[in-house]
Structure formats: structure tokens, C-alpha cells
Amino acid sequence: MRFSKTATAVIAMIAMIAPTAACGTDNASSDGKTEITVWAWDNNLKANAKQFMKDNPDIKVTFANAGSGKDEYVALSNAIEAGSGAPDIAQIEYYAIPEYAIKGALKDLTDNGAGKFKDFYTPGTWSSVNYAGGIYGLPMDSGPMAFFYDKEVFDKAGIDEPPATWDEFYEDAKKIRAVGSYITNDPGDAGFFNAMVWQAGGHPYSTSKDGKTVTVNLTGDPGVRKFTKLWQKMIDEDLIETKTKGTSDDWYRAVGSGEFAGVITAAWAPGMFLNQASEGAGKWRVAQMPAWSAGGHEVSESGGSSLAILSSSKKADAAYKFMAYALHNKDAVMSRVDQGGFPADLESMKNDKFLNQTTMVNTKGETVEYFGGQKFNAVFAEAAKNVVTGFEFLPYDVYARSIFTDTVGAAYMGQGTLMDGVKAWQAKLVEQGRSQGFTVKEG
């Protein structure tokens, strides 16, 4: 999870950022070097760039932070529509790739030979950068989902093991509620909703290969129905806390105190727990996500991002060269992992140091066994192997997420059911798609 400035502030930044990025459209900087501009919120990339420039003195890499997530997309979309000011490289989350690829804003990396890296990355991340027959980015990090749980609360409730199935999760939730805690919190989040539907085998969205036809089948999708049926039952029985906004101060306090005994989130979260919910150190553990059937191992992803080259870049070769170094060089990848990132490549997940990691270093420089000495990365690496491939996002998913709270989100506050909200969400998504010129089919 990442924190963002307001979209208004980001729009105001464009005037400052654009001149820097725009000068990147020249073939060379004032010192004769080819200059590429990168928009990224991951500051660890800057260390990668320093080493890259030592090895490639003819290329200069400059950074501009236009915010993260939706804020960067506001700035990026404005620069694209203006026809100037876009960077050469942008960090783009997987769910947003279709939106920019379908507009022709991203370079298809097939001609650069990117296809040879198919077996370098985890199946889920590689699937996420492939769209409509093209490769529109290279995976930078990943977010296989897992179940984080407070062992002290589980012990108090008489639960010896984390739930292996969602049926067990429901039964455990009742035991945990009986001792004054909640098994998890969910105030209504579009990214989490999609991840849960994905894990349930859902495919509510699809786009034709020519990019002209979009299918929105939220109301009829089996995965949507499977997830909402379980979640509605748990909301009705007060087994899920729905009032506290995720990653707010109150949320961290509830995680640290044991009020929330579990969090369903992704592999990038340990640093978040470590530095924002320090009271939970030593109490928490990590397990695989509960499965929908006994013996199941299916996993989805949440978050994770790629590096993509803008089609407007006049220095795509130099940009690709930097991307290839930052994302494929072992030392470059591990330098980001050491700072709390979770890799997207298979080799890193076989690294002994990575797999055997039991501690983290917090912002105070203290070494902490937050997960009680557990080899937490080994759990995430196993989850990454089991990510279900083939899930598609809408080619306007940034918009879709922005209206989730006003539609499906109302059900978390007791205003109608989740399926009522899903129906309202689908209606708005169909309307939006048609207004953008897509042929939209409803399920």
C-alpha cells in the first residue's frame, strides 16, 4: 500500500515536472549524454541508476516523482493528452497497464526482445504485463497475497493453526469474535475486491484482442458470487470490522493491539507492519491464503508494478537498456529487496539469503523479528508460484476503482447488499466504457 498526495496537488506539479521531462525528448543532454527521464515512486531505483550510469557513462538517468498510484496517473494522463512532458519510463501498477496500452501510450517491448524473459518472471507478474498480444512493461515487483495473523489472539481463541480454507476462516472468525477481536478488517476496497474475486477463479472483465470490445460481467461471474456470498454472511454476522480505513492511524493501532487478528494482504506489507504497527512485533505470523476447497493452493496478487516505456519517447533504446539492468541484474534486484521490496523474478525467490530471512531493519536501524523468527519470505515465494494466471483488468480500471466506494462500498456500511452494490458498479462501468467509445457487453 502506498500513500498519495491529492490529485489536485499532482496536477499543479505538472507545470514543474514537464520542463524537465520535456527536455528528455532531445537526443542528448547539454553534456552530450543521452538523457532519459523516469517517473517512479520507488526511490530504490535511484541507487540502481547510479550504478547503471557508472557502467554506461553515455546515458544519464534523471528522476521526477509525480506521486504514486492514481496521483501519478493523473499527471501521466495529462502529459499524454497534452502531447508533451511525458517521461521516457514510468512505474505503472499492473492493473493500470491495459488502460495505457489500449490508448497506444505504451511501447510494445516485443521488438526489443522482451519475450525471452517469460521464464525469468513469476507467472502472475509476466501475465500482468502481457496485454492483447503485446508486452507493455517489465515486472518490477510483485504482490502475491497471504494471510497475516496475530498468533497471540489465535491462541487465546483456541485456534492452533491458521485457516486452510475459507470455510475454516469463517469458523475461526466466530471464535476470534468471541474473545473480542475481528479476524480481519475490510471497509470496502476495489483492489482487495478484485484480488479476492481473482483468487476465487473469477473473470468478470475481458477485452477483445483488437481493444474495441469490453465485457463487464460482475453480476454473473461465479468468482464474484462466491466471494460476495461469503463476505456478505460475515458482514451480516459482524465477523469483519468494516469501519476503519485501511492503513490509517487507527488501523495500525488495531493491528498492533490485536483488535484485528488477521490481515489479508500482499507480500510487500512486512515493512508496513514493522514500522507502523510496531506493537505487534513478535506476535504476528504469515500463512498461505485460505483456499476455496480442501487441498487448494490458488493465490491472487494485489498491487505490484512494472516499468514501462512511453510510446512518445525518442530514446526508447536507452530507456530499455536501463530497464533491463534495473530489473534483471541480480545485485540491482536484491538491493531493492533488501529495502523491503518483493521481487518479481524466479531467481530471487530461490536465493538462500532471501528465503531464510527472519528479521527486518526498521527506520530506527533496529533489527526486529516481527514474525517471531519465521522465514516469512519463504511463505511469499511459495504463494508466488501458485498465482492463478489469466485474470484481466478493465482498460479503464483506474476509473473503476475511483467509484467503488460510492457503489459497492455502501454495502459495508449496511446500505444494501454487496450484490446490490456490484450491480450499481457494473452499470456505471458499462456507461463509462461506452462513453469512451468501447463496445461494451454485459454479463
Protein backbone atom coordinates (compact mmCIF):
# COMPACT_ATOMS: atom_id res chain seq x y z
CA MET A 1 0.00 0.00 0.00
CA ARG A 2 1.23 3.45 -0.82
CA PHE A 3 0.29 6.90 0.34
CA SER A 4 -0.61 9.67 -2.14
CA LYS A 5 -0.89 13.42 -2.30
CA THR A 6 -4.12 14.85 -3.58
CA ALA A 7 -4.79 14.71 -7.29
CA THR A 8 -5.08 18.50 -7.29
CA ALA A 9 -1.56 18.86 -5.98
CA VAL A 10 -0.27 16.50 -8.62
CA ILE A 11 -1.90 18.43 -11.43
CA ALA A 12 -0.21 21.53 -10.10
CA MET A 13 3.12 19.69 -10.20
CA ILE A 14 2.88 19.08 -13.94
CA ALA A 15 3.96 22.61 -14.72
CA MET A 16 7.16 22.00 -12.75
CA ILE A 17 7.77 18.45 -13.95
CA ALA A 18 7.00 18.96 -17.63
CA PRO A 19 10.04 21.12 -18.49
CA THR A 20 12.38 18.51 -17.02
CA ALA A 21 10.67 15.65 -18.80
CA ALA A 22 10.27 17.61 -22.00
CA CYS A 23 13.98 18.23 -22.33
CA GLY A 24 14.27 14.44 -22.33
CA THR A 25 12.74 14.44 -25.80
CA ASP A 26 16.00 15.78 -27.24
CA ASN A 27 18.53 13.23 -28.40
CA ALA A 28 21.12 14.34 -25.85
CA SER A 29 21.53 16.46 -22.71
CA SER A 30 23.78 19.51 -22.58
CA ASP A 31 26.80 17.35 -21.71
CA GLY A 32 26.35 15.18 -24.79
CA LYS A 33 24.84 12.23 -22.96
CA THR A 34 21.55 10.59 -23.88
CA GLU A 35 19.20 11.64 -21.09
CA ILE A 36 16.21 9.56 -20.06
CA THR A 37 13.60 10.65 -17.55
CA VAL A 38 11.93 8.24 -15.15
CA TRP A 39 8.75 8.77 -13.15
CA ALA A 40 8.76 6.36 -10.21
CA TRP A 41 7.76 6.40 -6.56
CA ASP A 42 10.23 3.63 -5.64
CA ASN A 43 13.27 5.62 -4.54
CA ASN A 44 15.43 2.49 -4.51
CA LEU A 45 15.58 2.76 -8.30
CA LYS A 46 17.86 5.78 -7.85
CA ALA A 47 20.58 3.57 -6.39
CA ASN A 48 20.21 1.28 -9.40
CA ALA A 49 20.57 4.29 -11.69
CA LYS A 50 23.84 5.39 -10.06
CA GLN A 51 25.49 2.06 -10.77
CA PHE A 52 23.97 1.90 -14.24
CA MET A 53 25.41 5.30 -15.14
CA LYS A 54 28.87 4.22 -13.95
CA ASP A 55 28.68 1.26 -16.33
CA ASN A 56 27.04 3.33 -19.09
CA PRO A 57 28.62 6.81 -18.98
CA ASP A 58 26.91 7.83 -22.22
CA ILE A 59 23.44 7.65 -20.62
CA LYS A 60 22.08 10.00 -17.94
CA VAL A 61 19.08 8.91 -15.86
CA THR A 62 17.01 11.60 -14.13
CA PHE A 63 14.02 11.09 -11.85
CA ALA A 64 10.83 13.00 -11.17
CA ASN A 65 8.29 11.80 -8.61
CA ALA A 66 4.79 12.67 -9.77
CA GLY A 67 3.19 10.94 -6.81
CA SER A 68 2.18 7.28 -6.62
CA GLY A 69 -0.71 5.21 -7.86
CA LYS A 70 -3.68 7.27 -9.01
CA ASP A 71 -1.82 10.55 -8.48
CA GLU A 72 0.93 9.61 -10.90
CA TYR A 73 -1.73 8.50 -13.37
CA VAL A 74 -3.39 11.92 -13.22
CA ALA A 75 -0.06 13.55 -14.09
CA LEU A 76 0.77 10.94 -16.71
CA SER A 77 -2.62 11.18 -18.42
CA ASN A 78 -2.40 14.95 -18.53
CA ALA A 79 1.08 14.82 -20.07
CA ILE A 80 -0.03 12.27 -22.66
CA GLU A 81 -3.10 14.29 -23.61
CA ALA A 82 -1.03 17.47 -23.80
CA GLY A 83 1.39 15.77 -26.19
CA SER A 84 4.44 16.82 -24.20
CA GLY A 85 6.02 16.40 -20.79
CA ALA A 86 5.66 12.62 -20.53
CA PRO A 87 8.69 10.71 -19.20
CA ASP A 88 10.62 8.06 -21.10
CA ILE A 89 9.92 5.45 -18.40
CA ALA A 90 7.06 5.29 -15.90
CA GLN A 91 6.43 2.98 -12.97
CA ILE A 92 2.94 1.61 -13.59
CA GLU A 93 0.96 -0.79 -11.46
CA TYR A 94 -0.21 -3.93 -13.21
CA TYR A 95 -3.88 -3.05 -13.05
CA ALA A 96 -3.29 0.21 -14.93
CA ILE A 97 -1.29 -1.28 -17.83
CA PRO A 98 -4.34 -2.06 -20.02
CA GLU A 99 -5.63 1.49 -19.65
CA TYR A 100 -2.46 2.99 -21.11
CA ALA A 101 -1.67 0.19 -23.55
CA ILE A 102 -5.05 0.41 -25.23
CA LYS A 103 -4.58 4.15 -25.76
CA GLY A 104 -1.31 3.49 -27.53
CA ALA A 105 0.60 5.34 -24.80
CA LEU A 106 2.99 2.48 -24.02
CA LYS A 107 5.62 0.93 -26.26
CA ASP A 108 5.20 -2.74 -27.10
CA LEU A 109 8.51 -4.26 -25.99
CA THR A 110 8.19 -7.32 -28.20
CA ASP A 111 10.56 -5.83 -30.79
CA ASN A 112 13.13 -5.27 -28.03
CA GLY A 113 13.22 -9.00 -27.43
CA ALA A 114 11.33 -8.82 -24.13
CA GLY A 115 9.61 -12.11 -24.89
CA LYS A 116 12.76 -14.01 -23.94
CA PHE A 117 12.17 -13.06 -20.30
CA LYS A 118 8.94 -15.05 -19.97
CA ASP A 119 10.62 -17.70 -17.83
CA PHE A 120 12.58 -15.13 -15.84
CA TYR A 121 9.50 -13.81 -14.05
CA THR A 122 6.80 -15.39 -11.92
CA PRO A 123 3.75 -16.46 -13.95
CA GLY A 124 1.45 -13.91 -12.37
CA THR A 125 3.65 -10.88 -12.98
CA TRP A 126 4.52 -11.89 -16.54
CA SER A 127 0.85 -12.39 -17.33
CA SER A 128 0.14 -8.89 -15.99
CA VAL A 129 2.44 -7.09 -18.44
CA ASN A 130 1.16 -9.03 -21.44
CA TYR A 131 -1.91 -7.49 -22.98
CA ALA A 132 -3.72 -8.04 -26.28
CA GLY A 133 -0.73 -9.82 -27.79
CA GLY A 134 1.84 -7.21 -26.73
CA ILE A 135 4.34 -6.78 -23.89
CA TYR A 136 3.78 -3.35 -22.37
CA GLY A 137 6.22 -3.34 -19.47
CA LEU A 138 8.65 -5.44 -17.49
CA PRO A 139 7.75 -6.60 -13.96
CA MET A 140 9.47 -4.71 -11.18
CA ASP A 141 7.94 -6.17 -8.04
CA SER A 142 5.01 -8.34 -7.09
CA GLY A 143 2.29 -8.78 -4.52
CA PRO A 144 1.27 -12.42 -4.03
CA MET A 145 -1.43 -12.48 -1.40
CA ALA A 146 -1.07 -14.11 2.01
CA PHE A 147 -2.82 -14.26 5.36
CA PHE A 148 -1.06 -12.35 8.16
CA TYR A 149 -2.33 -13.29 11.61
CA ASP A 150 -1.77 -12.45 15.26
CA LYS A 151 -0.76 -15.75 16.87
CA GLU A 152 -1.44 -14.47 20.40
CA VAL A 153 -5.09 -13.76 19.56
CA PHE A 154 -5.44 -17.07 17.70
CA ASP A 155 -4.01 -18.90 20.74
CA LYS A 156 -6.40 -17.01 23.02
CA ALA A 157 -9.29 -18.14 20.83
CA GLY A 158 -8.11 -21.74 20.98
CA ILE A 159 -7.05 -21.90 17.33
CA ASP A 160 -3.87 -23.89 16.80
CA GLU A 161 -3.35 -23.31 13.07
CA PRO A 162 -4.28 -20.59 10.59
CA PRO A 163 -7.30 -21.45 8.41
CA ALA A 164 -6.52 -23.59 5.38
CA THR A 165 -9.89 -22.99 3.70
CA TRP A 166 -12.44 -20.17 3.64
CA ASP A 167 -14.89 -22.44 5.50
CA GLU A 168 -12.32 -22.70 8.29
CA PHE A 169 -11.77 -18.95 8.08
CA TYR A 170 -15.48 -18.38 8.74
CA GLU A 171 -15.49 -20.76 11.72
CA ASP A 172 -12.30 -19.21 13.14
CA ALA A 173 -13.84 -15.75 12.74
CA LYS A 174 -16.61 -16.68 15.18
CA LYS A 175 -14.11 -17.93 17.76
CA ILE A 176 -12.00 -14.80 17.44
CA ARG A 177 -15.05 -12.56 17.71
CA ALA A 178 -15.92 -14.34 20.94
CA VAL A 179 -12.66 -13.13 22.52
CA GLY A 180 -13.24 -9.53 21.48
CA SER A 181 -11.28 -9.29 18.21
CA TYR A 182 -12.06 -9.44 14.50
CA ILE A 183 -10.44 -11.93 12.16
CA THR A 184 -9.91 -9.12 9.67
CA ASN A 185 -10.95 -5.65 8.59
CA ASP A 186 -12.40 -4.56 5.24
CA PRO A 187 -14.09 -1.17 4.83
CA GLY A 188 -14.51 -1.74 1.10
CA ASP A 189 -11.56 -1.50 -1.27
CA ALA A 190 -11.65 -2.12 -5.03
CA GLY A 191 -8.15 -3.58 -5.20
CA PHE A 192 -8.91 -6.05 -2.42
CA PHE A 193 -12.26 -6.93 -4.02
CA ASN A 194 -10.59 -7.72 -7.34
CA ALA A 195 -7.88 -9.78 -5.63
CA MET A 196 -10.46 -11.86 -3.78
CA VAL A 197 -12.52 -12.41 -6.92
CA TRP A 198 -9.33 -13.33 -8.78
CA GLN A 199 -8.45 -15.95 -6.15
CA ALA A 200 -11.99 -17.33 -6.33
CA GLY A 201 -11.45 -18.06 -10.02
CA GLY A 202 -13.37 -15.04 -11.27
CA HIS A 203 -13.04 -13.42 -14.68
CA PRO A 204 -15.51 -10.52 -14.57
CA TYR A 205 -13.68 -8.39 -17.15
CA SER A 206 -12.29 -9.08 -20.60
CA THR A 207 -11.19 -7.06 -23.60
CA SER A 208 -11.06 -8.26 -27.19
CA LYS A 209 -7.65 -8.50 -28.86
CA ASP A 210 -8.41 -5.52 -31.07
CA GLY A 211 -9.19 -3.48 -27.94
CA LYS A 212 -12.62 -2.44 -29.18
CA THR A 213 -14.96 -4.68 -27.19
CA VAL A 214 -15.10 -4.88 -23.39
CA THR A 215 -17.14 -7.37 -21.40
CA VAL A 216 -18.23 -6.50 -17.86
CA ASN A 217 -19.77 -9.48 -16.11
CA LEU A 218 -19.63 -8.70 -12.40
CA THR A 219 -23.21 -9.69 -11.66
CA GLY A 220 -22.97 -13.10 -13.30
CA ASP A 221 -19.37 -14.08 -12.66
CA PRO A 222 -19.05 -17.22 -10.47
CA GLY A 223 -15.98 -15.85 -8.68
CA VAL A 224 -17.78 -12.63 -7.77
CA ARG A 225 -20.76 -14.58 -6.50
CA LYS A 226 -18.58 -16.98 -4.49
CA PHE A 227 -16.70 -14.19 -2.75
CA THR A 228 -19.66 -11.88 -2.11
CA LYS A 229 -21.73 -14.73 -0.67
CA LEU A 230 -19.06 -15.46 1.95
CA TRP A 231 -18.27 -11.82 2.68
CA GLN A 232 -21.95 -10.83 2.97
CA LYS A 233 -22.52 -13.56 5.53
CA MET A 234 -19.52 -12.38 7.56
CA ILE A 235 -20.59 -8.73 7.39
CA ASP A 236 -24.15 -9.63 8.46
CA GLU A 237 -22.81 -11.60 11.45
CA ASP A 238 -20.39 -8.84 12.49
CA LEU A 239 -17.37 -11.05 11.87
CA ILE A 240 -15.48 -8.44 9.82
CA GLU A 241 -14.71 -4.92 11.03
CA THR A 242 -15.86 -2.52 8.29
CA LYS A 243 -15.48 0.96 9.76
CA THR A 244 -11.72 1.58 9.96
CA LYS A 245 -9.99 2.84 6.85
CA GLY A 246 -7.05 0.69 5.81
CA THR A 247 -3.55 1.98 6.70
CA SER A 248 -4.98 4.84 8.76
CA ASP A 249 -3.52 5.55 12.20
CA ASP A 250 -6.49 3.78 13.80
CA TRP A 251 -5.94 0.78 11.54
CA TYR A 252 -2.30 0.42 12.56
CA ARG A 253 -3.28 0.79 16.21
CA ALA A 254 -5.86 -2.01 15.82
CA VAL A 255 -3.29 -4.27 14.14
CA GLY A 256 -0.72 -3.65 16.86
CA SER A 257 -3.18 -4.14 19.71
CA GLY A 258 -4.76 -7.36 18.44
CA GLU A 259 -8.18 -5.84 17.74
CA PHE A 260 -7.62 -7.02 14.17
CA ALA A 261 -6.30 -10.57 14.44
CA GLY A 262 -5.68 -11.01 10.74
CA VAL A 263 -4.89 -9.06 7.60
CA ILE A 264 -5.30 -10.40 4.07
CA THR A 265 -2.75 -8.53 2.03
CA ALA A 266 0.30 -8.88 -0.17
CA ALA A 267 3.99 -9.71 0.17
CA TRP A 268 5.02 -6.06 0.11
CA ALA A 269 3.37 -5.50 3.52
CA PRO A 270 6.02 -6.62 6.10
CA GLY A 271 7.75 -3.24 6.16
CA MET A 272 4.38 -1.60 6.70
CA PHE A 273 3.72 -3.81 9.74
CA LEU A 274 7.25 -3.31 11.05
CA ASN A 275 7.30 0.48 11.00
CA GLN A 276 3.65 1.40 11.51
CA ALA A 277 2.37 -1.32 13.86
CA SER A 278 5.49 -1.95 15.93
CA GLU A 279 3.43 -3.07 18.96
CA GLY A 280 2.67 -6.28 17.09
CA ALA A 281 6.32 -7.34 16.82
CA GLY A 282 6.84 -10.99 17.71
CA LYS A 283 3.11 -11.74 17.78
CA TRP A 284 2.37 -11.92 14.06
CA ARG A 285 2.90 -14.77 11.60
CA VAL A 286 2.31 -15.33 7.87
CA ALA A 287 0.39 -18.16 6.19
CA GLN A 288 -0.92 -19.03 2.76
CA MET A 289 -4.30 -17.59 1.82
CA PRO A 290 -7.22 -19.84 2.73
CA ALA A 291 -8.33 -21.90 -0.29
CA TRP A 292 -11.82 -22.37 -1.64
CA SER A 293 -11.55 -26.14 -1.38
CA ALA A 294 -9.59 -28.56 0.77
CA GLY A 295 -6.09 -29.03 -0.58
CA GLY A 296 -6.32 -25.98 -2.82
CA HIS A 297 -3.38 -23.61 -3.28
CA GLU A 298 -4.73 -20.89 -5.55
CA VAL A 299 -3.40 -17.38 -4.91
CA SER A 300 -4.04 -13.96 -6.42
CA GLU A 301 -1.99 -10.77 -6.44
CA SER A 302 -2.61 -7.30 -5.10
CA GLY A 303 -0.51 -4.36 -6.14
CA GLY A 304 2.87 -4.80 -7.71
CA SER A 305 4.23 -2.66 -10.51
CA SER A 306 6.15 -2.61 -13.75
CA LEU A 307 8.45 -0.26 -15.58
CA ALA A 308 7.06 0.76 -18.97
CA ILE A 309 8.37 2.89 -21.82
CA LEU A 310 6.11 5.62 -23.12
CA SER A 311 5.48 5.37 -26.86
CA SER A 312 6.29 9.08 -27.13
CA SER A 313 9.90 8.50 -26.00
CA LYS A 314 12.55 9.27 -28.61
CA LYS A 315 15.14 7.38 -26.58
CA ALA A 316 13.46 4.02 -26.21
CA ASP A 317 16.67 2.05 -26.74
CA ALA A 318 18.48 3.81 -23.90
CA ALA A 319 15.36 3.53 -21.73
CA TYR A 320 15.10 -0.19 -22.37
CA LYS A 321 18.78 -0.63 -21.57
CA PHE A 322 18.25 0.93 -18.13
CA MET A 323 15.12 -1.13 -17.50
CA ALA A 324 16.92 -4.33 -18.45
CA TYR A 325 19.69 -3.53 -15.96
CA ALA A 326 17.42 -2.47 -13.09
CA LEU A 327 15.09 -5.44 -13.44
CA HIS A 328 17.45 -8.24 -14.49
CA ASN A 329 20.76 -7.53 -12.79
CA LYS A 330 20.94 -9.68 -9.65
CA ASP A 331 22.62 -7.03 -7.49
CA ALA A 332 20.15 -4.35 -8.62
CA VAL A 333 17.16 -6.55 -7.82
CA MET A 334 18.48 -7.64 -4.43
CA SER A 335 19.29 -4.05 -3.45
CA ARG A 336 15.57 -3.27 -3.69
CA VAL A 337 14.65 -6.49 -1.89
CA ASP A 338 16.97 -5.54 0.97
CA GLN A 339 14.94 -2.35 1.38
CA GLY A 340 11.66 -4.22 1.72
CA GLY A 341 10.61 -4.79 -1.88
CA PHE A 342 9.27 -8.15 -3.00
CA PRO A 343 10.79 -9.40 -6.27
CA ALA A 344 9.03 -10.43 -9.44
CA ASP A 345 11.70 -12.81 -10.73
CA LEU A 346 12.06 -16.51 -10.03
CA GLU A 347 15.80 -16.43 -9.37
CA SER A 348 15.47 -14.09 -6.40
CA MET A 349 12.91 -16.40 -4.87
CA LYS A 350 15.49 -19.19 -4.87
CA ASN A 351 18.10 -17.04 -3.14
CA ASP A 352 19.04 -18.59 0.22
CA LYS A 353 19.50 -15.25 1.96
CA PHE A 354 16.07 -14.13 0.78
CA LEU A 355 14.30 -17.37 1.68
CA ASN A 356 15.93 -17.66 5.11
CA GLN A 357 15.27 -14.07 6.17
CA THR A 358 13.74 -13.91 9.66
CA THR A 359 14.41 -10.28 10.58
CA MET A 360 13.87 -6.80 9.22
CA VAL A 361 15.54 -3.50 9.99
CA ASN A 362 13.15 -0.72 10.95
CA THR A 363 13.51 3.00 10.30
CA LYS A 364 15.36 3.38 13.60
CA GLY A 365 18.01 0.93 12.44
CA GLU A 366 16.86 -1.77 14.84
CA THR A 367 16.79 -5.43 13.80
CA VAL A 368 13.38 -6.92 14.60
CA GLU A 369 11.96 -10.45 14.44
CA TYR A 370 8.49 -9.15 13.70
CA PHE A 371 7.16 -12.55 12.66
CA GLY A 372 8.58 -14.44 15.63
CA GLY A 373 11.59 -15.88 13.82
CA GLN A 374 9.50 -17.20 10.92
CA LYS A 375 11.08 -17.35 7.45
CA PHE A 376 8.37 -15.12 6.05
CA ASN A 377 9.78 -14.70 2.54
CA ALA A 378 9.63 -18.46 2.06
CA VAL A 379 5.85 -18.25 2.56
CA PHE A 380 5.53 -15.47 -0.02
CA ALA A 381 7.78 -17.26 -2.50
CA GLU A 382 5.55 -20.33 -2.30
CA ALA A 383 2.48 -18.15 -2.79
CA ALA A 384 4.03 -16.55 -5.88
CA LYS A 385 4.31 -19.97 -7.51
CA ASN A 386 0.58 -20.52 -7.12
CA VAL A 387 -0.78 -17.28 -8.53
CA VAL A 388 -3.68 -18.00 -10.88
CA THR A 389 -2.87 -16.55 -14.30
CA GLY A 390 -5.24 -15.05 -16.85
CA PHE A 391 -7.07 -12.50 -14.71
CA GLU A 392 -7.82 -9.34 -16.71
CA PHE A 393 -8.35 -5.76 -15.59
CA LEU A 394 -10.55 -3.25 -17.35
CA PRO A 395 -8.91 -0.87 -19.84
CA TYR A 396 -10.27 1.89 -17.58
CA ASP A 397 -9.62 0.28 -14.21
CA VAL A 398 -8.26 3.48 -12.67
CA TYR A 399 -11.75 4.95 -13.09
CA ALA A 400 -13.39 1.72 -11.90
CA ARG A 401 -11.56 1.87 -8.59
CA SER A 402 -12.40 5.51 -8.09
CA ILE A 403 -16.15 4.80 -7.94
CA PHE A 404 -16.05 1.58 -5.90
CA THR A 405 -16.74 3.35 -2.61
CA ASP A 406 -19.87 5.02 -3.98
CA THR A 407 -21.32 1.76 -5.25
CA VAL A 408 -20.14 -1.50 -3.67
CA GLY A 409 -18.66 0.35 -0.70
CA ALA A 410 -22.09 1.35 0.57
CA ALA A 411 -22.84 -2.28 1.47
CA TYR A 412 -20.03 -2.32 4.03
CA MET A 413 -21.95 0.35 5.93
CA GLY A 414 -25.17 -1.66 5.84
CA GLN A 415 -26.71 0.19 2.89
CA GLY A 416 -27.98 -2.69 0.78
CA THR A 417 -26.11 -5.88 -0.04
CA LEU A 418 -22.79 -6.41 -1.75
CA MET A 419 -24.56 -7.74 -4.84
CA ASP A 420 -26.73 -4.61 -4.90
CA GLY A 421 -23.53 -2.59 -4.92
CA VAL A 422 -21.94 -4.81 -7.57
CA LYS A 423 -24.97 -4.26 -9.81
CA ALA A 424 -24.68 -0.47 -9.41
CA TRP A 425 -20.92 -0.64 -10.03
CA GLN A 426 -21.41 -2.65 -13.20
CA ALA A 427 -23.97 -0.17 -14.53
CA LYS A 428 -21.51 2.70 -14.10
CA LEU A 429 -18.67 0.71 -15.66
CA VAL A 430 -20.77 -0.12 -18.69
CA GLU A 431 -21.76 3.52 -19.06
CA GLN A 432 -18.13 4.66 -18.74
CA GLY A 433 -16.92 2.15 -21.30
CA ARG A 434 -19.48 3.24 -23.86
CA SER A 435 -18.69 6.90 -23.25
CA GLN A 436 -15.06 6.11 -24.11
CA GLY A 437 -16.05 4.51 -27.41
CA PHE A 438 -15.87 0.83 -26.46
CA THR A 439 -18.47 -1.68 -27.45
CA VAL A 440 -19.49 -2.97 -24.04
CA LYS A 441 -21.16 -6.30 -23.39
CA GLU A 442 -22.79 -7.04 -20.06
CA GLY A 443 -22.78 -10.42 -18.39
